[in-house]
Amino acid sequence: DMVQDIFLRVHERMGSVRDTGRIESWLFQIACNAIVDHYRRNRAGEPVPDWI
């Protein structure tokens, strides 16, 4: 479920890549944001773990 959501976000935002030399950091940021969004939606009231 999470991987599918991340791939969908990447596909939707491919046009927003400014520097193709830094694509890894762009992908990492999308993945981090998707994980945080997942915790916010599904774990209302519980804190997001520090490792995120």
N, C-alpha and C. Protein backbone atom coordinates (compact mmCIF):
# COMPACT_ATOMS: atom_id res chain seq x y z
N ASP A 1 0.83 -1.20 0.00
CA ASP A 1 0.00 0.00 0.00
C ASP A 1 0.87 1.26 0.00
N MET A 2 1.87 1.30 0.89
CA MET A 2 2.75 2.47 0.96
C MET A 2 3.59 2.61 -0.31
N VAL A 3 4.12 1.49 -0.79
CA VAL A 3 4.97 1.55 -1.98
C VAL A 3 4.15 2.03 -3.18
N GLN A 4 2.94 1.54 -3.30
CA GLN A 4 2.07 1.98 -4.39
C GLN A 4 1.79 3.47 -4.29
N ASP A 5 1.53 3.96 -3.09
CA ASP A 5 1.27 5.38 -2.88
C ASP A 5 2.49 6.21 -3.26
N ILE A 6 3.67 5.74 -2.88
CA ILE A 6 4.90 6.47 -3.20
C ILE A 6 5.13 6.51 -4.71
N PHE A 7 4.96 5.37 -5.39
CA PHE A 7 5.14 5.34 -6.84
C PHE A 7 4.13 6.25 -7.54
N LEU A 8 2.91 6.28 -7.04
CA LEU A 8 1.89 7.15 -7.62
C LEU A 8 2.28 8.62 -7.46
N ARG A 9 2.75 8.98 -6.27
CA ARG A 9 3.18 10.37 -6.03
C ARG A 9 4.35 10.75 -6.94
N VAL A 10 5.30 9.83 -7.08
CA VAL A 10 6.46 10.09 -7.95
C VAL A 10 5.98 10.32 -9.39
N HIS A 11 5.10 9.47 -9.85
CA HIS A 11 4.58 9.60 -11.22
C HIS A 11 3.86 10.93 -11.41
N GLU A 12 3.04 11.31 -10.44
CA GLU A 12 2.29 12.56 -10.54
C GLU A 12 3.18 13.79 -10.51
N ARG A 13 4.34 13.69 -9.86
CA ARG A 13 5.20 14.86 -9.67
C ARG A 13 6.47 14.86 -10.53
N MET A 14 6.54 13.98 -11.53
CA MET A 14 7.73 13.92 -12.37
C MET A 14 8.06 15.26 -13.02
N GLY A 15 7.07 16.06 -13.32
CA GLY A 15 7.31 17.35 -13.94
C GLY A 15 7.92 18.38 -13.01
N SER A 16 7.93 18.10 -11.71
CA SER A 16 8.45 19.08 -10.75
C SER A 16 9.94 18.89 -10.44
N VAL A 17 10.59 17.92 -11.08
CA VAL A 17 12.02 17.70 -10.85
C VAL A 17 12.78 18.85 -11.49
N ARG A 18 13.54 19.57 -10.67
CA ARG A 18 14.30 20.72 -11.17
C ARG A 18 15.71 20.33 -11.58
N ASP A 19 16.35 19.50 -10.77
CA ASP A 19 17.74 19.13 -11.01
C ASP A 19 17.82 17.61 -11.08
N THR A 20 17.98 17.07 -12.28
CA THR A 20 18.01 15.61 -12.43
C THR A 20 19.24 14.98 -11.78
N GLY A 21 20.23 15.77 -11.45
CA GLY A 21 21.40 15.26 -10.75
C GLY A 21 21.12 14.95 -9.30
N ARG A 22 20.02 15.46 -8.77
CA ARG A 22 19.67 15.24 -7.37
C ARG A 22 18.36 14.47 -7.24
N ILE A 23 18.12 13.58 -8.17
CA ILE A 23 16.85 12.85 -8.19
C ILE A 23 16.69 11.96 -6.95
N GLU A 24 17.81 11.45 -6.41
CA GLU A 24 17.72 10.59 -5.23
C GLU A 24 17.15 11.33 -4.04
N SER A 25 17.58 12.56 -3.83
CA SER A 25 17.06 13.33 -2.70
C SER A 25 15.60 13.71 -2.93
N TRP A 26 15.23 13.95 -4.17
CA TRP A 26 13.84 14.26 -4.52
C TRP A 26 12.95 13.06 -4.21
N LEU A 27 13.39 11.86 -4.63
CA LEU A 27 12.64 10.63 -4.35
C LEU A 27 12.55 10.37 -2.85
N PHE A 28 13.65 10.56 -2.15
CA PHE A 28 13.68 10.35 -0.70
C PHE A 28 12.69 11.26 0.00
N GLN A 29 12.63 12.51 -0.40
CA GLN A 29 11.71 13.47 0.23
C GLN A 29 10.26 13.08 -0.03
N ILE A 30 9.95 12.64 -1.22
CA ILE A 30 8.59 12.19 -1.52
C ILE A 30 8.23 11.00 -0.65
N ALA A 31 9.16 10.04 -0.51
CA ALA A 31 8.90 8.86 0.32
C ALA A 31 8.70 9.24 1.78
N CYS A 32 9.54 10.13 2.30
CA CYS A 32 9.40 10.57 3.70
C CYS A 32 8.06 11.26 3.92
N ASN A 33 7.68 12.13 3.01
CA ASN A 33 6.40 12.82 3.15
C ASN A 33 5.23 11.85 3.09
N ALA A 34 5.32 10.83 2.24
CA ALA A 34 4.25 9.83 2.14
C ALA A 34 4.13 9.04 3.44
N ILE A 35 5.25 8.70 4.05
CA ILE A 35 5.23 7.96 5.31
C ILE A 35 4.63 8.80 6.43
N VAL A 36 5.03 10.05 6.52
CA VAL A 36 4.47 10.95 7.54
C VAL A 36 2.98 11.13 7.32
N ASP A 37 2.56 11.32 6.07
CA ASP A 37 1.13 11.45 5.77
C ASP A 37 0.36 10.20 6.18
N HIS A 38 0.96 9.03 5.93
CA HIS A 38 0.33 7.76 6.31
C HIS A 38 0.10 7.70 7.82
N TYR A 39 1.11 8.05 8.60
CA TYR A 39 0.97 8.03 10.05
C TYR A 39 -0.06 9.04 10.53
N ARG A 40 -0.10 10.19 9.91
CA ARG A 40 -1.08 11.21 10.31
C ARG A 40 -2.51 10.74 10.03
N ARG A 41 -2.73 10.08 8.90
CA ARG A 41 -4.06 9.61 8.54
C ARG A 41 -4.51 8.43 9.40
N ASN A 42 -3.62 7.49 9.64
CA ASN A 42 -4.00 6.21 10.25
C ASN A 42 -3.73 6.11 11.74
N ARG A 43 -3.02 7.01 12.30
CA ARG A 43 -2.66 6.92 13.71
C ARG A 43 -2.99 8.22 14.43
N ALA A 44 -4.18 8.71 14.23
CA ALA A 44 -4.58 9.98 14.85
C ALA A 44 -4.40 9.91 16.36
N GLY A 45 -3.70 10.88 16.90
CA GLY A 45 -3.48 10.94 18.33
C GLY A 45 -2.18 10.31 18.79
N GLU A 46 -1.57 9.45 17.96
CA GLU A 46 -0.30 8.84 18.31
C GLU A 46 0.83 9.63 17.67
N PRO A 47 1.92 9.85 18.39
CA PRO A 47 3.04 10.63 17.82
C PRO A 47 3.74 9.86 16.69
N VAL A 48 4.29 10.60 15.76
CA VAL A 48 5.08 10.00 14.68
C VAL A 48 6.41 9.55 15.28
N PRO A 49 6.86 8.31 15.00
CA PRO A 49 8.13 7.83 15.57
C PRO A 49 9.29 8.75 15.21
N ASP A 50 10.28 8.83 16.11
CA ASP A 50 11.43 9.70 15.90
C ASP A 50 12.27 9.30 14.69
N TRP A 51 12.29 8.01 14.34
CA TRP A 51 13.13 7.57 13.23
C TRP A 51 12.64 8.09 11.89
N ILE A 52 11.42 8.62 11.85
CA ILE A 52 10.91 9.20 10.61
C ILE A 52 11.34 10.63 10.60
